[in-house]
C-alpha atoms as a PDB file:
ATOM      1  CA  UNK A   1     -14.871  16.666  -3.719  1.00  0.00           C
ATOM      2  CA  UNK A   2     -12.075  19.109  -2.477  1.00  0.00           C
ATOM      3  CA  UNK A   3      -8.423  17.960  -2.262  1.00  0.00           C
ATOM      4  CA  UNK A   4      -8.433  18.521   1.295  1.00  0.00           C
ATOM      5  CA  UNK A   5     -11.784  16.860   2.133  1.00  0.00           C
ATOM      6  CA  UNK A   6     -11.077  13.843   0.057  1.00  0.00           C
ATOM      7  CA  UNK A   7      -7.910  13.808   1.878  1.00  0.00           C
ATOM      8  CA  UNK A   8      -9.485  14.380   5.446  1.00  0.00           C
ATOM      9  CA  UNK A   9     -11.870  11.191   3.786  1.00  0.00           C
ATOM     10  CA  UNK A  10      -8.920   8.878   3.119  1.00  0.00           C
ATOM     11  CA  UNK A  11      -6.936   9.420   6.330  1.00  0.00           C
ATOM     12  CA  UNK A  12     -10.227   8.809   8.586  1.00  0.00           C
ATOM     13  CA  UNK A  13     -10.795   5.479   6.513  1.00  0.00           C
ATOM     14  CA  UNK A  14      -7.113   4.283   7.171  1.00  0.00           C
ATOM     15  CA  UNK A  15      -7.981   4.987  10.933  1.00  0.00           C
ATOM     16  CA  UNK A  16     -11.279   3.244  10.558  1.00  0.00           C
ATOM     17  CA  UNK A  17      -9.688   0.208   9.082  1.00  0.00           C
ATOM     18  CA  UNK A  18      -6.526   0.405  11.704  1.00  0.00           C
ATOM     19  CA  UNK A  19      -9.222   0.322  14.413  1.00  0.00           C
ATOM     20  CA  UNK A  20     -11.392  -2.183  12.969  1.00  0.00           C
ATOM     21  CA  UNK A  21      -8.540  -4.566  12.380  1.00  0.00           C
ATOM     22  CA  UNK A  22      -6.770  -3.857  15.803  1.00  0.00           C
ATOM     23  CA  UNK A  23      -9.846  -4.421  18.196  1.00  0.00           C
ATOM     24  CA  UNK A  24     -12.014  -6.994  16.334  1.00  0.00           C
ATOM     25  CA  UNK A  25     -10.123  -8.618  13.334  1.00  0.00           C
ATOM     26  CA  UNK A  26      -7.006  -9.536  15.427  1.00  0.00           C
ATOM     27  CA  UNK A  27      -8.582 -10.291  18.668  1.00  0.00           C
ATOM     28  CA  UNK A  28     -11.389 -12.489  16.720  1.00  0.00           C
ATOM     29  CA  UNK A  29      -8.530 -14.855  14.488  1.00  0.00           C
ATOM     30  CA  UNK A  30      -6.080 -15.153  16.657  1.00  0.00           C
ATOM     31  CA  UNK A  31      -5.100 -17.659  19.537  1.00  0.00           C
ATOM     32  CA  UNK A  32      -3.125 -17.636  22.469  1.00  0.00           C
ATOM     33  CA  UNK A  33       0.328 -18.395  22.777  1.00  0.00           C
ATOM     34  CA  UNK A  34       1.111 -22.174  23.662  1.00  0.00           C
ATOM     35  CA  UNK A  35       3.707 -21.700  26.409  1.00  0.00           C
ATOM     36  CA  UNK A  36       4.308 -18.748  28.720  1.00  0.00           C
ATOM     37  CA  UNK A  37       8.022 -17.503  26.451  1.00  0.00           C
ATOM     38  CA  UNK A  38       6.207 -17.852  23.362  1.00  0.00           C
ATOM     39  CA  UNK A  39       5.340 -14.325  21.475  1.00  0.00           C
ATOM     40  CA  UNK A  40       1.800 -14.584  21.170  1.00  0.00           C
ATOM     41  CA  UNK A  41       0.452 -14.736  17.279  1.00  0.00           C
ATOM     42  CA  UNK A  42      -1.434 -11.404  17.184  1.00  0.00           C
ATOM     43  CA  UNK A  43       1.943  -9.653  18.685  1.00  0.00           C
ATOM     44  CA  UNK A  44       3.056  -8.674  14.770  1.00  0.00           C
ATOM     45  CA  UNK A  45      -0.437  -7.628  13.039  1.00  0.00           C
ATOM     46  CA  UNK A  46      -1.253  -5.741  16.716  1.00  0.00           C
ATOM     47  CA  UNK A  47       2.069  -3.879  15.958  1.00  0.00           C
ATOM     48  CA  UNK A  48       1.697  -3.047  12.628  1.00  0.00           C
ATOM     49  CA  UNK A  49      -1.922  -2.070  12.570  1.00  0.00           C
ATOM     50  CA  UNK A  50      -1.047  -0.315  15.585  1.00  0.00           C
ATOM     51  CA  UNK A  51       1.317   1.759  13.379  1.00  0.00           C
ATOM     52  CA  UNK A  52      -1.046   2.324  10.833  1.00  0.00           C
ATOM     53  CA  UNK A  53      -3.513   3.593  13.280  1.00  0.00           C
ATOM     54  CA  UNK A  54      -0.890   5.873  14.256  1.00  0.00           C
ATOM     55  CA  UNK A  55       0.203   7.424  10.980  1.00  0.00           C
ATOM     56  CA  UNK A  56      -3.753   7.492   9.974  1.00  0.00           C
ATOM     57  CA  UNK A  57      -3.714   9.670  13.292  1.00  0.00           C
ATOM     58  CA  UNK A  58      -0.857  11.902  12.225  1.00  0.00           C
ATOM     59  CA  UNK A  59      -2.865  12.153   8.593  1.00  0.00           C
ATOM     60  CA  UNK A  60      -5.794  13.224   9.579  1.00  0.00           C
ATOM     61  CA  UNK A  61      -4.199  15.988  11.970  1.00  0.00           C
ATOM     62  CA  UNK A  62      -2.517  16.927   8.754  1.00  0.00           C
ATOM     63  CA  UNK A  63      -5.491  16.933   6.694  1.00  0.00           C
ATOM     64  CA  UNK A  64      -7.731  18.896   9.253  1.00  0.00           C
ATOM     65  CA  UNK A  65      -5.620  21.779  10.370  1.00  0.00           C
ATOM     66  CA  UNK A  66      -1.835  21.077  10.099  1.00  0.00           C
ATOM     67  CA  UNK A  67       0.541  23.597   8.638  1.00  0.00           C
ATOM     68  CA  UNK A  68      -0.275  25.674   5.668  1.00  0.00           C
ATOM     69  CA  UNK A  69       2.410  26.148   2.829  1.00  0.00           C
ATOM     70  CA  UNK A  70       3.059  29.715   2.290  1.00  0.00           C
ATOM     71  CA  UNK A  71       1.762  30.463  -0.793  1.00  0.00           C
ATOM     72  CA  UNK A  72       4.149  31.200  -3.669  1.00  0.00           C
ATOM     73  CA  UNK A  73       3.996  31.891  -7.019  1.00  0.00           C
ATOM     74  CA  UNK A  74       4.058  28.455  -8.763  1.00  0.00           C
ATOM     75  CA  UNK A  75       5.474  28.105 -12.118  1.00  0.00           C
ATOM     76  CA  UNK A  76       4.085  26.386 -14.783  1.00  0.00           C
ATOM     77  CA  UNK A  77       5.442  23.372 -14.513  1.00  0.00           C
ATOM     78  CA  UNK A  78       4.477  23.144 -10.917  1.00  0.00           C
ATOM     79  CA  UNK A  79       1.275  23.794 -11.688  1.00  0.00           C
ATOM     80  CA  UNK A  80       1.307  21.047 -14.251  1.00  0.00           C
ATOM     81  CA  UNK A  81       2.393  18.452 -11.329  1.00  0.00           C
ATOM     82  CA  UNK A  82      -0.613  19.685  -9.174  1.00  0.00           C
ATOM     83  CA  UNK A  83      -3.046  18.633 -11.550  1.00  0.00           C
ATOM     84  CA  UNK A  84      -1.482  15.313 -12.154  1.00  0.00           C
ATOM     85  CA  UNK A  85      -4.331  13.465 -10.608  1.00  0.00           C
ATOM     86  CA  UNK A  86      -6.618  10.440 -12.274  1.00  0.00           C
ATOM     87  CA  UNK A  87     -10.282  10.965 -12.888  1.00  0.00           C
ATOM     88  CA  UNK A  88     -12.935   9.372 -14.620  1.00  0.00           C
ATOM     89  CA  UNK A  89     -12.048   6.504 -16.832  1.00  0.00           C
ATOM     90  CA  UNK A  90      -8.881   6.915 -16.298  1.00  0.00           C
ATOM     91  CA  UNK A  91      -8.975   6.165 -12.531  1.00  0.00           C
ATOM     92  CA  UNK A  92     -11.693   3.306 -13.268  1.00  0.00           C
ATOM     93  CA  UNK A  93      -8.764   1.761 -15.669  1.00  0.00           C
ATOM     94  CA  UNK A  94      -6.183   1.881 -12.899  1.00  0.00           C
ATOM     95  CA  UNK A  95      -8.459   0.580 -10.264  1.00  0.00           C
ATOM     96  CA  UNK A  96      -9.479  -2.136 -12.517  1.00  0.00           C
ATOM     97  CA  UNK A  97      -5.625  -3.087 -13.271  1.00  0.00           C
ATOM     98  CA  UNK A  98      -4.506  -3.211  -9.212  1.00  0.00           C
ATOM     99  CA  UNK A  99      -7.891  -5.206  -8.805  1.00  0.00           C
ATOM    100  CA  UNK A 100      -7.146  -7.628 -11.637  1.00  0.00           C
ATOM    101  CA  UNK A 101      -3.469  -7.926 -10.155  1.00  0.00           C
ATOM    102  CA  UNK A 102      -4.814  -8.977  -6.520  1.00  0.00           C
ATOM    103  CA  UNK A 103      -7.261 -11.353  -7.944  1.00  0.00           C
ATOM    104  CA  UNK A 104      -3.998 -12.635  -9.918  1.00  0.00           C
ATOM    105  CA  UNK A 105      -1.990 -12.694  -6.700  1.00  0.00           C
ATOM    106  CA  UNK A 106      -4.559 -14.921  -4.779  1.00  0.00           C
ATOM    107  CA  UNK A 107      -5.074 -17.379  -7.334  1.00  0.00           C
ATOM    108  CA  UNK A 108      -1.132 -17.393  -8.062  1.00  0.00           C
ATOM    109  CA  UNK A 109      -0.460 -17.883  -4.770  1.00  0.00           C
ATOM    110  CA  UNK A 110      -3.023 -20.935  -4.395  1.00  0.00           C
ATOM    111  CA  UNK A 111      -1.727 -22.554  -7.561  1.00  0.00           C
ATOM    112  CA  UNK A 112       1.732 -22.027  -8.379  1.00  0.00           C
ATOM    113  CA  UNK A 113       3.051 -20.936  -5.223  1.00  0.00           C
ATOM    114  CA  UNK A 114       4.757 -18.040  -3.282  1.00  0.00           C
ATOM    115  CA  UNK A 115       8.507 -17.864  -4.964  1.00  0.00           C
ATOM    116  CA  UNK A 116       6.854 -18.102  -8.490  1.00  0.00           C
ATOM    117  CA  UNK A 117       4.231 -15.328  -7.548  1.00  0.00           C
ATOM    118  CA  UNK A 118       6.704 -13.004  -5.967  1.00  0.00           C
ATOM    119  CA  UNK A 119       8.660 -13.145  -9.114  1.00  0.00           C
ATOM    120  CA  UNK A 120       6.072 -12.449 -11.686  1.00  0.00           C
ATOM    121  CA  UNK A 121       3.898 -10.311  -9.779  1.00  0.00           C
ATOM    122  CA  UNK A 122       6.652  -7.919  -8.992  1.00  0.00           C
ATOM    123  CA  UNK A 123       7.635  -7.421 -12.459  1.00  0.00           C
ATOM    124  CA  UNK A 124       4.244  -6.828 -13.434  1.00  0.00           C
ATOM    125  CA  UNK A 125       3.754  -4.598 -10.689  1.00  0.00           C
ATOM    126  CA  UNK A 126       7.098  -2.853 -11.396  1.00  0.00           C
ATOM    127  CA  UNK A 127       5.770  -2.044 -15.364  1.00  0.00           C
ATOM    128  CA  UNK A 128       2.515  -1.159 -14.550  1.00  0.00           C
ATOM    129  CA  UNK A 129       3.994   1.722 -11.909  1.00  0.00           C
ATOM    130  CA  UNK A 130       6.218   3.049 -14.855  1.00  0.00           C
ATOM    131  CA  UNK A 131       9.476   1.604 -14.018  1.00  0.00           C
ATOM    132  CA  UNK A 132      11.964   1.091 -16.874  1.00  0.00           C
ATOM    133  CA  UNK A 133      13.532  -2.359 -17.237  1.00  0.00           C
ATOM    134  CA  UNK A 134      17.540  -2.110 -18.259  1.00  0.00           C
ATOM    135  CA  UNK A 135      19.126  -4.840 -20.154  1.00  0.00           C
ATOM    136  CA  UNK A 136      21.546  -5.404 -17.358  1.00  0.00           C
ATOM    137  CA  UNK A 137      18.719  -6.065 -14.416  1.00  0.00           C
ATOM    138  CA  UNK A 138      17.205  -9.114 -16.731  1.00  0.00           C
ATOM    139  CA  UNK A 139      20.556 -10.765 -17.196  1.00  0.00           C
ATOM    140  CA  UNK A 140      21.270  -9.583 -13.487  1.00  0.00           C
ATOM    141  CA  UNK A 141      18.735 -12.302 -12.242  1.00  0.00           C
ATOM    142  CA  UNK A 142      19.499 -15.659 -12.885  1.00  0.00           C
ATOM    143  CA  UNK A 143      23.075 -14.880 -11.229  1.00  0.00           C
ATOM    144  CA  UNK A 144      21.164 -13.747  -8.232  1.00  0.00           C
ATOM    145  CA  UNK A 145      18.827 -16.409  -8.134  1.00  0.00           C
ATOM    146  CA  UNK A 146      21.340 -19.201  -8.713  1.00  0.00           C
ATOM    147  CA  UNK A 147      23.492 -17.991  -6.034  1.00  0.00           C
ATOM    148  CA  UNK A 148      20.372 -18.213  -3.189  1.00  0.00           C
END
């Protein structure tokens, strides 16, 4: 699948999932406001999925026929950066790590709670995504956590 077609498919999937959540999932799973002055429980989920749907539509428009970048002579570094995509075994490994992280998040939230889960998984995701930890970052954590 070429890059343009894959961008169209991904943008369409974002739109489809946001529309499904906005028009089917949220109305079926949220209740009414308890009082006239209360905000509806569906307000913030509707707002966030509405924004996702709007941005997805912009992505579709950009992928289908958006502005074209002027063609220029690319250097070897720019060509190497353009070829920095996952495929085959690397893609499967990457997806397996993200799925394992999602399962770990669900289990840790259930058994350990929100705060320990957030600390452990934030550090894990940062390490997985290539964030380099300096010793100053780790030493500053106890002071920040104890002052809260």
